[in-house]
Amino acid sequence: MSATKSETKSAPKTDKTAPAPWHVPVAGEDVAETGQHFDLTADREIRAAVASLAGLRDLPRLQANFDVTRTGDSGLRVCGHVTATVGQNCVVTLEPLSNEIDETVDLLFAPPSLEPEREVDAEADSEDASPRTKRNWNEPEPLIGGVIDLGAIATEFLILGLDPYPRKLGAVFEPPQDLKADAGPFAALAKLAKDGNGA
């Protein structure tokens, strides 16, 4: 079974305190005016570290391709794909299985001082407003020190694309067959009532 996604997604919210095992820093000032393309392939050591972070059985393949372009005065845009082959275990049979990941990336980065202020109106503050109306989904990510980390982005989107409940094709959970249909706290009462009616 494959977990393939092609829709564009916002940046995943992961634990920022956990160190990213894959680092590919890119300074905005080093990006040409016409942009720059990156084809990245994680080596065995990095894949092992990412697999441990993501709770995977193994990670035979992890690749990313990004186009980085300048936006505005000092912002950056990162577009591309993160693809991987991930080893997981079926939640039903516990058998090993492999899934394919394909995540689309389209992110804007801007220095914190240049991030646009979010406009929140009374409707967005109301209790019945949906989460989507309470947040500007197009707001940029903070560009700290003018540097982005493509390895960390790839790692985060890999984790975003994982199936949290991987299931082998055709696997169906079956409850134990040795349970009696009439088992329960009222089974004895039902039996007494049946015996009394037959007397």
N, C-alpha and C. Protein backbone atom coordinates (compact mmCIF):
# COMPACT_ATOMS: atom_id res chain seq x y z
N MET A 1 0.85 -1.17 0.00
CA MET A 1 0.00 0.00 0.00
C MET A 1 0.88 1.22 0.00
N SER A 2 0.54 2.19 -0.77
CA SER A 2 1.37 3.38 -0.86
C SER A 2 0.66 4.55 -0.23
N ALA A 3 1.46 5.49 0.29
CA ALA A 3 0.91 6.71 0.86
C ALA A 3 1.42 7.86 0.04
N THR A 4 0.78 8.13 -1.08
CA THR A 4 1.25 9.14 -2.01
C THR A 4 0.36 10.35 -1.92
N LYS A 5 0.96 11.52 -1.76
CA LYS A 5 0.20 12.75 -1.66
C LYS A 5 0.80 13.76 -2.62
N SER A 6 -0.05 14.47 -3.34
CA SER A 6 0.44 15.44 -4.30
C SER A 6 0.01 16.85 -3.98
N GLU A 7 -0.89 17.04 -2.98
CA GLU A 7 -1.37 18.37 -2.71
C GLU A 7 -0.33 19.16 -1.94
N THR A 8 -0.37 20.50 -2.12
CA THR A 8 0.56 21.38 -1.43
C THR A 8 0.13 21.51 0.02
N LYS A 9 1.11 21.50 0.92
CA LYS A 9 0.79 21.58 2.34
C LYS A 9 1.61 22.66 3.00
N SER A 10 1.10 23.17 4.11
CA SER A 10 1.85 24.13 4.89
C SER A 10 2.90 23.39 5.69
N ALA A 11 3.81 24.14 6.29
CA ALA A 11 4.90 23.52 7.02
C ALA A 11 4.36 22.73 8.20
N PRO A 12 4.84 21.49 8.40
CA PRO A 12 4.38 20.71 9.54
C PRO A 12 4.91 21.27 10.83
N LYS A 13 4.13 21.12 11.88
CA LYS A 13 4.54 21.61 13.19
C LYS A 13 5.12 20.47 13.99
N THR A 14 6.44 20.40 14.03
CA THR A 14 7.11 19.34 14.77
C THR A 14 7.80 19.95 15.99
N ASP A 15 8.36 19.08 16.80
CA ASP A 15 9.05 19.52 18.00
C ASP A 15 10.33 20.24 17.63
N LYS A 16 10.34 21.57 17.77
CA LYS A 16 11.50 22.36 17.37
C LYS A 16 12.69 22.15 18.29
N THR A 17 12.48 21.53 19.46
CA THR A 17 13.59 21.31 20.37
C THR A 17 14.41 20.08 19.98
N ALA A 18 13.81 19.18 19.18
CA ALA A 18 14.53 17.99 18.76
C ALA A 18 15.47 18.34 17.61
N PRO A 19 16.75 18.01 17.72
CA PRO A 19 17.68 18.35 16.65
C PRO A 19 17.39 17.56 15.38
N ALA A 20 17.41 18.25 14.26
CA ALA A 20 17.19 17.58 12.98
C ALA A 20 18.46 16.83 12.59
N PRO A 21 18.35 15.55 12.23
CA PRO A 21 19.54 14.77 11.89
C PRO A 21 20.11 15.09 10.51
N TRP A 22 19.35 15.79 9.67
CA TRP A 22 19.80 16.09 8.30
C TRP A 22 19.89 17.61 8.16
N HIS A 23 21.09 18.09 7.88
CA HIS A 23 21.32 19.53 7.76
C HIS A 23 21.86 19.87 6.37
N VAL A 24 21.14 20.75 5.67
CA VAL A 24 21.61 21.30 4.40
C VAL A 24 21.31 22.79 4.45
N PRO A 25 22.14 23.58 5.13
CA PRO A 25 21.86 25.01 5.27
C PRO A 25 22.11 25.77 3.97
N VAL A 26 21.24 26.71 3.70
CA VAL A 26 21.37 27.56 2.51
C VAL A 26 21.13 29.01 2.94
N ALA A 27 22.11 29.85 2.71
CA ALA A 27 21.99 31.26 3.05
C ALA A 27 21.31 32.00 1.90
N GLY A 28 20.40 32.88 2.26
CA GLY A 28 19.67 33.63 1.25
C GLY A 28 20.58 34.44 0.35
N GLU A 29 21.64 34.97 0.93
CA GLU A 29 22.55 35.81 0.15
C GLU A 29 23.33 35.01 -0.89
N ASP A 30 23.37 33.68 -0.74
CA ASP A 30 24.08 32.83 -1.70
C ASP A 30 23.18 32.35 -2.83
N VAL A 31 21.89 32.63 -2.74
CA VAL A 31 20.96 32.21 -3.79
C VAL A 31 20.98 33.23 -4.91
N ALA A 32 21.20 32.77 -6.12
CA ALA A 32 21.28 33.67 -7.27
C ALA A 32 19.94 34.35 -7.51
N GLU A 33 19.97 35.47 -8.22
CA GLU A 33 18.74 36.19 -8.52
C GLU A 33 17.77 35.32 -9.32
N THR A 34 18.32 34.41 -10.12
CA THR A 34 17.48 33.53 -10.93
C THR A 34 17.04 32.27 -10.18
N GLY A 35 17.49 32.13 -8.92
CA GLY A 35 17.13 30.97 -8.13
C GLY A 35 18.19 29.88 -8.18
N GLN A 36 17.98 28.84 -7.40
CA GLN A 36 18.94 27.74 -7.33
C GLN A 36 18.20 26.42 -7.11
N HIS A 37 18.66 25.38 -7.80
CA HIS A 37 18.02 24.06 -7.70
C HIS A 37 18.90 23.14 -6.86
N PHE A 38 18.25 22.30 -6.04
CA PHE A 38 18.97 21.36 -5.18
C PHE A 38 18.36 19.97 -5.34
N ASP A 39 19.22 18.99 -5.62
CA ASP A 39 18.83 17.58 -5.62
C ASP A 39 19.56 16.93 -4.46
N LEU A 40 18.81 16.48 -3.47
CA LEU A 40 19.40 15.95 -2.24
C LEU A 40 19.09 14.47 -2.06
N THR A 41 20.09 13.72 -1.62
CA THR A 41 19.92 12.31 -1.32
C THR A 41 20.57 12.02 0.03
N ALA A 42 19.80 11.53 0.98
CA ALA A 42 20.33 11.24 2.31
C ALA A 42 21.16 9.96 2.28
N ASP A 43 22.33 9.99 2.92
CA ASP A 43 23.16 8.79 2.97
C ASP A 43 22.66 7.84 4.06
N ARG A 44 23.33 6.71 4.19
CA ARG A 44 22.86 5.66 5.10
C ARG A 44 22.82 6.13 6.55
N GLU A 45 23.84 6.87 6.98
CA GLU A 45 23.89 7.33 8.37
C GLU A 45 22.74 8.30 8.66
N ILE A 46 22.50 9.21 7.74
CA ILE A 46 21.41 10.17 7.93
C ILE A 46 20.07 9.46 7.92
N ARG A 47 19.89 8.51 7.00
CA ARG A 47 18.62 7.78 6.93
C ARG A 47 18.35 7.03 8.22
N ALA A 48 19.40 6.45 8.80
CA ALA A 48 19.23 5.72 10.06
C ALA A 48 18.79 6.66 11.17
N ALA A 49 19.38 7.86 11.21
CA ALA A 49 19.03 8.84 12.24
C ALA A 49 17.60 9.35 12.05
N VAL A 50 17.21 9.60 10.79
CA VAL A 50 15.85 10.07 10.50
C VAL A 50 14.84 8.98 10.83
N ALA A 51 15.17 7.73 10.50
CA ALA A 51 14.28 6.61 10.80
C ALA A 51 14.04 6.50 12.30
N SER A 52 15.09 6.68 13.08
CA SER A 52 14.96 6.62 14.54
C SER A 52 14.06 7.76 15.05
N LEU A 53 14.26 8.95 14.49
CA LEU A 53 13.46 10.11 14.89
C LEU A 53 11.99 9.91 14.54
N ALA A 54 11.73 9.32 13.36
CA ALA A 54 10.36 9.17 12.88
C ALA A 54 9.69 7.88 13.36
N GLY A 55 10.42 7.03 14.07
CA GLY A 55 9.84 5.79 14.56
C GLY A 55 9.61 4.76 13.47
N LEU A 56 10.49 4.74 12.47
CA LEU A 56 10.36 3.80 11.35
C LEU A 56 11.21 2.56 11.58
N ARG A 57 10.78 1.45 10.99
CA ARG A 57 11.58 0.23 11.06
C ARG A 57 12.88 0.43 10.29
N ASP A 58 12.78 1.01 9.10
CA ASP A 58 13.97 1.38 8.33
C ASP A 58 13.56 2.43 7.30
N LEU A 59 14.56 2.99 6.65
CA LEU A 59 14.35 4.06 5.67
C LEU A 59 15.32 3.84 4.51
N PRO A 60 14.96 2.97 3.56
CA PRO A 60 15.87 2.62 2.48
C PRO A 60 16.18 3.77 1.53
N ARG A 61 15.26 4.75 1.44
CA ARG A 61 15.47 5.84 0.48
C ARG A 61 14.85 7.13 1.01
N LEU A 62 15.61 8.23 0.90
CA LEU A 62 15.10 9.55 1.27
C LEU A 62 15.75 10.57 0.34
N GLN A 63 14.92 11.20 -0.48
CA GLN A 63 15.42 12.17 -1.45
C GLN A 63 14.55 13.42 -1.43
N ALA A 64 15.11 14.51 -1.90
CA ALA A 64 14.36 15.76 -2.01
C ALA A 64 14.92 16.58 -3.16
N ASN A 65 14.04 17.27 -3.84
CA ASN A 65 14.48 18.24 -4.84
C ASN A 65 13.75 19.54 -4.58
N PHE A 66 14.53 20.61 -4.50
CA PHE A 66 13.99 21.91 -4.15
C PHE A 66 14.47 22.98 -5.14
N ASP A 67 13.58 23.92 -5.42
CA ASP A 67 13.95 25.14 -6.12
C ASP A 67 13.81 26.27 -5.12
N VAL A 68 14.91 26.98 -4.86
CA VAL A 68 14.92 28.08 -3.90
C VAL A 68 15.05 29.39 -4.67
N THR A 69 14.10 30.29 -4.45
CA THR A 69 14.11 31.59 -5.14
C THR A 69 13.95 32.71 -4.13
N ARG A 70 14.40 33.88 -4.51
CA ARG A 70 14.25 35.04 -3.64
C ARG A 70 12.87 35.66 -3.83
N THR A 71 12.33 36.17 -2.74
CA THR A 71 11.05 36.87 -2.80
C THR A 71 11.16 38.16 -2.00
N GLY A 72 10.63 39.24 -2.55
CA GLY A 72 10.69 40.52 -1.85
C GLY A 72 12.11 40.98 -1.65
N ASP A 73 12.32 41.71 -0.55
CA ASP A 73 13.64 42.26 -0.27
C ASP A 73 14.61 41.22 0.28
N SER A 74 14.12 40.36 1.18
CA SER A 74 15.03 39.39 1.80
C SER A 74 14.34 38.08 2.15
N GLY A 75 13.26 37.77 1.47
CA GLY A 75 12.57 36.52 1.72
C GLY A 75 13.00 35.42 0.76
N LEU A 76 12.59 34.19 1.05
CA LEU A 76 12.92 33.05 0.20
C LEU A 76 11.67 32.19 0.02
N ARG A 77 11.61 31.54 -1.13
CA ARG A 77 10.54 30.57 -1.37
C ARG A 77 11.18 29.23 -1.71
N VAL A 78 10.66 28.16 -1.12
CA VAL A 78 11.17 26.81 -1.35
C VAL A 78 10.03 25.97 -1.93
N CYS A 79 10.24 25.47 -3.15
CA CYS A 79 9.25 24.60 -3.80
C CYS A 79 9.93 23.30 -4.20
N GLY A 80 9.20 22.21 -4.13
CA GLY A 80 9.77 20.94 -4.57
C GLY A 80 9.02 19.76 -4.02
N HIS A 81 9.75 18.63 -3.93
CA HIS A 81 9.14 17.38 -3.48
C HIS A 81 10.10 16.65 -2.54
N VAL A 82 9.51 15.93 -1.60
CA VAL A 82 10.26 15.01 -0.75
C VAL A 82 9.70 13.62 -1.02
N THR A 83 10.57 12.70 -1.43
CA THR A 83 10.14 11.34 -1.72
C THR A 83 10.98 10.37 -0.89
N ALA A 84 10.35 9.25 -0.54
CA ALA A 84 11.05 8.27 0.30
C ALA A 84 10.36 6.93 0.22
N THR A 85 11.12 5.90 0.57
CA THR A 85 10.59 4.56 0.80
C THR A 85 10.78 4.27 2.27
N VAL A 86 9.67 4.03 2.97
CA VAL A 86 9.74 3.87 4.42
C VAL A 86 9.31 2.47 4.83
N GLY A 87 10.01 1.91 5.80
CA GLY A 87 9.67 0.60 6.34
C GLY A 87 8.90 0.75 7.62
N GLN A 88 7.68 0.19 7.64
CA GLN A 88 6.84 0.24 8.82
C GLN A 88 6.32 -1.15 9.15
N ASN A 89 5.51 -1.26 10.17
CA ASN A 89 4.87 -2.53 10.53
C ASN A 89 3.36 -2.37 10.46
N CYS A 90 2.69 -3.35 9.91
CA CYS A 90 1.23 -3.34 9.81
C CYS A 90 0.63 -3.30 11.22
N VAL A 91 -0.32 -2.40 11.45
CA VAL A 91 -0.92 -2.28 12.77
C VAL A 91 -1.85 -3.44 13.09
N VAL A 92 -2.22 -4.22 12.08
CA VAL A 92 -3.12 -5.36 12.29
C VAL A 92 -2.34 -6.65 12.49
N THR A 93 -1.44 -6.95 11.54
CA THR A 93 -0.71 -8.22 11.57
C THR A 93 0.69 -8.10 12.16
N LEU A 94 1.17 -6.87 12.32
CA LEU A 94 2.53 -6.58 12.78
C LEU A 94 3.59 -7.04 11.78
N GLU A 95 3.18 -7.41 10.57
CA GLU A 95 4.13 -7.79 9.53
C GLU A 95 4.80 -6.55 8.95
N PRO A 96 6.06 -6.69 8.52
CA PRO A 96 6.74 -5.54 7.91
C PRO A 96 6.14 -5.20 6.56
N LEU A 97 6.08 -3.90 6.26
CA LEU A 97 5.61 -3.45 4.96
C LEU A 97 6.36 -2.18 4.58
N SER A 98 6.29 -1.84 3.29
CA SER A 98 6.95 -0.64 2.79
C SER A 98 5.90 0.30 2.19
N ASN A 99 6.07 1.58 2.44
CA ASN A 99 5.21 2.61 1.87
C ASN A 99 6.05 3.62 1.11
N GLU A 100 5.47 4.19 0.07
CA GLU A 100 6.13 5.24 -0.69
C GLU A 100 5.56 6.60 -0.27
N ILE A 101 6.44 7.55 -0.04
CA ILE A 101 6.06 8.89 0.37
C ILE A 101 6.39 9.86 -0.76
N ASP A 102 5.46 10.76 -1.06
CA ASP A 102 5.69 11.82 -2.05
C ASP A 102 4.97 13.06 -1.54
N GLU A 103 5.72 13.99 -0.95
CA GLU A 103 5.14 15.19 -0.36
C GLU A 103 5.56 16.42 -1.16
N THR A 104 4.58 17.25 -1.48
CA THR A 104 4.83 18.50 -2.18
C THR A 104 5.14 19.60 -1.17
N VAL A 105 6.19 20.37 -1.47
CA VAL A 105 6.62 21.45 -0.57
C VAL A 105 6.48 22.78 -1.29
N ASP A 106 5.87 23.75 -0.62
CA ASP A 106 5.77 25.12 -1.15
C ASP A 106 5.72 26.05 0.05
N LEU A 107 6.88 26.58 0.44
CA LEU A 107 7.00 27.38 1.65
C LEU A 107 7.57 28.76 1.35
N LEU A 108 7.10 29.74 2.09
CA LEU A 108 7.66 31.09 2.05
C LEU A 108 8.38 31.35 3.36
N PHE A 109 9.52 32.00 3.28
CA PHE A 109 10.29 32.37 4.46
C PHE A 109 10.55 33.87 4.43
N ALA A 110 10.43 34.52 5.58
CA ALA A 110 10.69 35.95 5.68
C ALA A 110 11.29 36.24 7.04
N PRO A 111 12.18 37.23 7.12
CA PRO A 111 12.72 37.61 8.42
C PRO A 111 11.58 37.98 9.36
N PRO A 112 11.70 37.65 10.65
CA PRO A 112 10.61 37.93 11.60
C PRO A 112 10.12 39.37 11.56
N SER A 113 11.04 40.33 11.35
CA SER A 113 10.65 41.74 11.35
C SER A 113 9.80 42.10 10.14
N LEU A 114 9.86 41.25 9.09
CA LEU A 114 9.11 41.54 7.86
C LEU A 114 7.87 40.69 7.71
N GLU A 115 7.60 39.83 8.69
CA GLU A 115 6.41 39.00 8.59
C GLU A 115 5.17 39.86 8.71
N PRO A 116 4.20 39.69 7.83
CA PRO A 116 2.98 40.49 7.89
C PRO A 116 2.17 40.19 9.14
N GLU A 117 1.57 41.24 9.70
CA GLU A 117 0.74 41.03 10.89
C GLU A 117 -0.56 40.36 10.48
N ARG A 118 -0.98 39.41 11.29
CA ARG A 118 -2.22 38.70 11.00
C ARG A 118 -3.41 39.56 11.37
N GLU A 119 -4.37 39.59 10.49
CA GLU A 119 -5.59 40.33 10.75
C GLU A 119 -6.63 39.37 11.30
N VAL A 120 -7.07 39.64 12.50
CA VAL A 120 -8.07 38.79 13.15
C VAL A 120 -9.31 39.64 13.39
N ASP A 121 -10.42 39.24 12.80
CA ASP A 121 -11.65 39.99 12.98
C ASP A 121 -12.54 39.32 14.01
N ALA A 122 -13.68 39.95 14.29
CA ALA A 122 -14.57 39.42 15.32
C ALA A 122 -15.11 38.06 14.93
N GLU A 123 -15.34 37.85 13.64
CA GLU A 123 -15.87 36.56 13.20
C GLU A 123 -14.86 35.46 13.43
N ALA A 124 -13.57 35.74 13.18
CA ALA A 124 -12.54 34.73 13.38
C ALA A 124 -12.38 34.41 14.85
N ASP A 125 -12.71 35.38 15.73
CA ASP A 125 -12.58 35.15 17.15
C ASP A 125 -13.78 34.44 17.75
N SER A 126 -14.85 34.31 17.00
CA SER A 126 -16.05 33.68 17.54
C SER A 126 -15.80 32.21 17.79
N GLU A 127 -16.57 31.63 18.71
CA GLU A 127 -16.37 30.24 19.09
C GLU A 127 -16.66 29.28 17.96
N ASP A 128 -17.61 29.66 17.08
CA ASP A 128 -17.97 28.74 16.02
C ASP A 128 -17.14 28.92 14.76
N ALA A 129 -16.13 29.81 14.81
CA ALA A 129 -15.26 29.99 13.65
C ALA A 129 -14.37 28.77 13.50
N SER A 130 -14.18 28.32 12.28
CA SER A 130 -13.36 27.13 12.04
C SER A 130 -11.90 27.48 12.23
N PRO A 131 -11.04 26.48 12.56
CA PRO A 131 -9.61 26.74 12.74
C PRO A 131 -8.99 27.37 11.51
N ARG A 132 -9.50 27.04 10.32
CA ARG A 132 -8.91 27.57 9.10
C ARG A 132 -9.10 29.08 8.99
N THR A 133 -10.23 29.61 9.53
CA THR A 133 -10.46 31.05 9.47
C THR A 133 -9.68 31.80 10.53
N LYS A 134 -9.17 31.07 11.52
CA LYS A 134 -8.43 31.72 12.59
C LYS A 134 -6.95 31.88 12.28
N ARG A 135 -6.50 31.29 11.21
CA ARG A 135 -5.07 31.33 10.89
C ARG A 135 -4.87 31.66 9.42
N ASN A 136 -3.90 32.50 9.15
CA ASN A 136 -3.56 32.80 7.76
C ASN A 136 -2.64 31.70 7.26
N TRP A 137 -3.16 30.79 6.45
CA TRP A 137 -2.40 29.62 6.01
C TRP A 137 -1.31 29.98 5.01
N ASN A 138 -1.28 31.25 4.54
CA ASN A 138 -0.25 31.66 3.59
C ASN A 138 0.84 32.48 4.26
N GLU A 139 0.79 32.59 5.58
CA GLU A 139 1.81 33.39 6.25
C GLU A 139 3.17 32.70 6.16
N PRO A 140 4.25 33.48 6.03
CA PRO A 140 5.57 32.87 5.86
C PRO A 140 6.12 32.29 7.15
N GLU A 141 7.06 31.36 6.96
CA GLU A 141 7.81 30.82 8.08
C GLU A 141 8.92 31.81 8.43
N PRO A 142 9.35 31.85 9.68
CA PRO A 142 10.42 32.79 10.05
C PRO A 142 11.76 32.40 9.43
N LEU A 143 12.44 33.37 8.88
CA LEU A 143 13.77 33.17 8.29
C LEU A 143 14.78 33.69 9.30
N ILE A 144 15.35 32.78 10.07
CA ILE A 144 16.26 33.16 11.15
C ILE A 144 17.69 33.26 10.63
N GLY A 145 18.29 34.42 10.79
CA GLY A 145 19.67 34.61 10.38
C GLY A 145 19.87 34.54 8.88
N GLY A 146 18.80 34.65 8.13
CA GLY A 146 18.91 34.62 6.67
C GLY A 146 19.24 33.25 6.10
N VAL A 147 19.05 32.18 6.90
CA VAL A 147 19.44 30.83 6.48
C VAL A 147 18.24 29.89 6.61
N ILE A 148 18.06 29.04 5.60
CA ILE A 148 17.08 27.96 5.68
C ILE A 148 17.82 26.63 5.69
N ASP A 149 17.19 25.60 6.24
CA ASP A 149 17.81 24.28 6.32
C ASP A 149 16.96 23.31 5.49
N LEU A 150 17.42 23.00 4.29
CA LEU A 150 16.66 22.12 3.41
C LEU A 150 16.57 20.70 3.96
N GLY A 151 17.59 20.27 4.67
CA GLY A 151 17.54 18.94 5.27
C GLY A 151 16.47 18.83 6.33
N ALA A 152 16.35 19.87 7.15
CA ALA A 152 15.32 19.88 8.19
C ALA A 152 13.93 19.94 7.57
N ILE A 153 13.78 20.71 6.48
CA ILE A 153 12.49 20.79 5.79
C ILE A 153 12.12 19.42 5.24
N ALA A 154 13.08 18.75 4.61
CA ALA A 154 12.82 17.42 4.04
C ALA A 154 12.41 16.44 5.14
N THR A 155 13.08 16.51 6.29
CA THR A 155 12.77 15.61 7.39
C THR A 155 11.36 15.85 7.92
N GLU A 156 11.00 17.12 8.06
CA GLU A 156 9.68 17.45 8.59
C GLU A 156 8.56 17.00 7.66
N PHE A 157 8.76 17.18 6.35
CA PHE A 157 7.71 16.79 5.41
C PHE A 157 7.65 15.27 5.25
N LEU A 158 8.76 14.59 5.43
CA LEU A 158 8.72 13.13 5.46
C LEU A 158 7.82 12.67 6.60
N ILE A 159 8.03 13.22 7.79
CA ILE A 159 7.25 12.83 8.95
C ILE A 159 5.78 13.19 8.75
N LEU A 160 5.53 14.33 8.12
CA LEU A 160 4.15 14.73 7.83
C LEU A 160 3.45 13.72 6.93
N GLY A 161 4.19 13.13 5.99
CA GLY A 161 3.59 12.22 5.02
C GLY A 161 3.42 10.79 5.48
N LEU A 162 3.92 10.47 6.68
CA LEU A 162 3.82 9.09 7.16
C LEU A 162 2.39 8.70 7.50
N ASP A 163 2.02 7.48 7.19
CA ASP A 163 0.74 6.92 7.59
C ASP A 163 0.87 6.49 9.05
N PRO A 164 0.11 7.11 9.96
CA PRO A 164 0.24 6.75 11.38
C PRO A 164 -0.30 5.37 11.70
N TYR A 165 -1.14 4.82 10.81
CA TYR A 165 -1.71 3.48 11.02
C TYR A 165 -1.52 2.64 9.76
N PRO A 166 -0.28 2.29 9.44
CA PRO A 166 -0.04 1.51 8.22
C PRO A 166 -0.70 0.15 8.29
N ARG A 167 -1.33 -0.25 7.22
CA ARG A 167 -2.04 -1.52 7.20
C ARG A 167 -1.73 -2.26 5.90
N LYS A 168 -1.38 -3.51 6.04
CA LYS A 168 -1.10 -4.33 4.87
C LYS A 168 -2.38 -4.53 4.06
N LEU A 169 -2.25 -4.55 2.74
CA LEU A 169 -3.39 -4.68 1.86
C LEU A 169 -4.18 -5.94 2.20
N GLY A 170 -5.47 -5.78 2.48
CA GLY A 170 -6.33 -6.92 2.79
C GLY A 170 -6.34 -7.32 4.25
N ALA A 171 -5.51 -6.69 5.07
CA ALA A 171 -5.45 -7.05 6.49
C ALA A 171 -6.70 -6.54 7.20
N VAL A 172 -7.39 -7.44 7.90
CA VAL A 172 -8.62 -7.10 8.62
C VAL A 172 -8.50 -7.59 10.05
N PHE A 173 -8.84 -6.73 10.98
CA PHE A 173 -8.79 -7.13 12.40
C PHE A 173 -9.94 -8.08 12.70
N GLU A 174 -9.62 -9.22 13.30
CA GLU A 174 -10.63 -10.20 13.68
C GLU A 174 -10.56 -10.43 15.19
N PRO A 175 -11.69 -10.22 15.89
CA PRO A 175 -11.68 -10.44 17.34
C PRO A 175 -11.52 -11.91 17.66
N PRO A 176 -11.09 -12.25 18.87
CA PRO A 176 -10.93 -13.66 19.26
C PRO A 176 -12.24 -14.42 19.09
N GLN A 177 -12.13 -15.65 18.59
CA GLN A 177 -13.32 -16.45 18.29
C GLN A 177 -13.81 -17.29 19.47
N ASP A 178 -13.09 -17.31 20.59
CA ASP A 178 -13.46 -18.18 21.70
C ASP A 178 -14.39 -17.49 22.70
N LEU A 179 -14.84 -16.27 22.38
CA LEU A 179 -15.75 -15.57 23.27
C LEU A 179 -17.18 -16.01 23.00
N LYS A 180 -17.92 -16.37 24.04
CA LYS A 180 -19.31 -16.78 23.88
C LYS A 180 -20.19 -15.56 23.65
N ALA A 181 -21.18 -15.71 22.82
CA ALA A 181 -22.05 -14.59 22.47
C ALA A 181 -22.82 -14.09 23.67
N ASP A 182 -23.15 -15.02 24.63
CA ASP A 182 -23.96 -14.61 25.76
C ASP A 182 -23.12 -14.25 26.98
N ALA A 183 -21.80 -14.16 26.79
CA ALA A 183 -20.94 -13.83 27.93
C ALA A 183 -21.21 -12.41 28.38
N GLY A 184 -21.27 -12.19 29.69
CA GLY A 184 -21.52 -10.86 30.20
C GLY A 184 -22.08 -10.93 31.59
N PRO A 185 -22.21 -9.78 32.23
CA PRO A 185 -22.66 -9.77 33.64
C PRO A 185 -24.09 -10.26 33.82
N PHE A 186 -24.93 -10.20 32.76
CA PHE A 186 -26.33 -10.60 32.90
C PHE A 186 -26.61 -11.98 32.30
N ALA A 187 -25.56 -12.71 31.94
CA ALA A 187 -25.75 -14.03 31.34
C ALA A 187 -26.42 -14.99 32.32
N ALA A 188 -26.00 -14.96 33.59
CA ALA A 188 -26.58 -15.88 34.58
C ALA A 188 -28.05 -15.56 34.82
N LEU A 189 -28.40 -14.26 34.89
CA LEU A 189 -29.80 -13.87 35.07
C LEU A 189 -30.66 -14.32 33.90
N ALA A 190 -30.14 -14.19 32.70
CA ALA A 190 -30.89 -14.60 31.52
C ALA A 190 -31.15 -16.10 31.56
N LYS A 191 -30.17 -16.86 32.04
CA LYS A 191 -30.34 -18.30 32.10
C LYS A 191 -31.41 -18.69 33.13
N LEU A 192 -31.41 -17.97 34.30
CA LEU A 192 -32.40 -18.24 35.34
C LEU A 192 -33.82 -17.92 34.84
N ALA A 193 -33.93 -16.80 34.10
CA ALA A 193 -35.24 -16.41 33.58
C ALA A 193 -35.74 -17.44 32.58
N LYS A 194 -34.84 -17.96 31.76
CA LYS A 194 -35.23 -18.96 30.76
C LYS A 194 -35.66 -20.26 31.44
N ASP A 195 -34.93 -20.67 32.49
CA ASP A 195 -35.28 -21.89 33.21
C ASP A 195 -36.61 -21.73 33.92
N GLY A 196 -36.89 -20.53 34.48
CA GLY A 196 -38.13 -20.30 35.19
C GLY A 196 -39.33 -20.34 34.28
N ASN A 197 -39.19 -19.83 33.05
CA ASN A 197 -40.29 -19.85 32.09
C ASN A 197 -40.60 -21.25 31.60
N GLY A 198 -39.58 -22.10 31.62
CA GLY A 198 -39.79 -23.45 31.11
C GLY A 198 -40.38 -24.36 32.15
N ALA A 199 -40.42 -23.92 33.44
CA ALA A 199 -40.93 -24.77 34.51
C ALA A 199 -42.45 -24.87 34.48
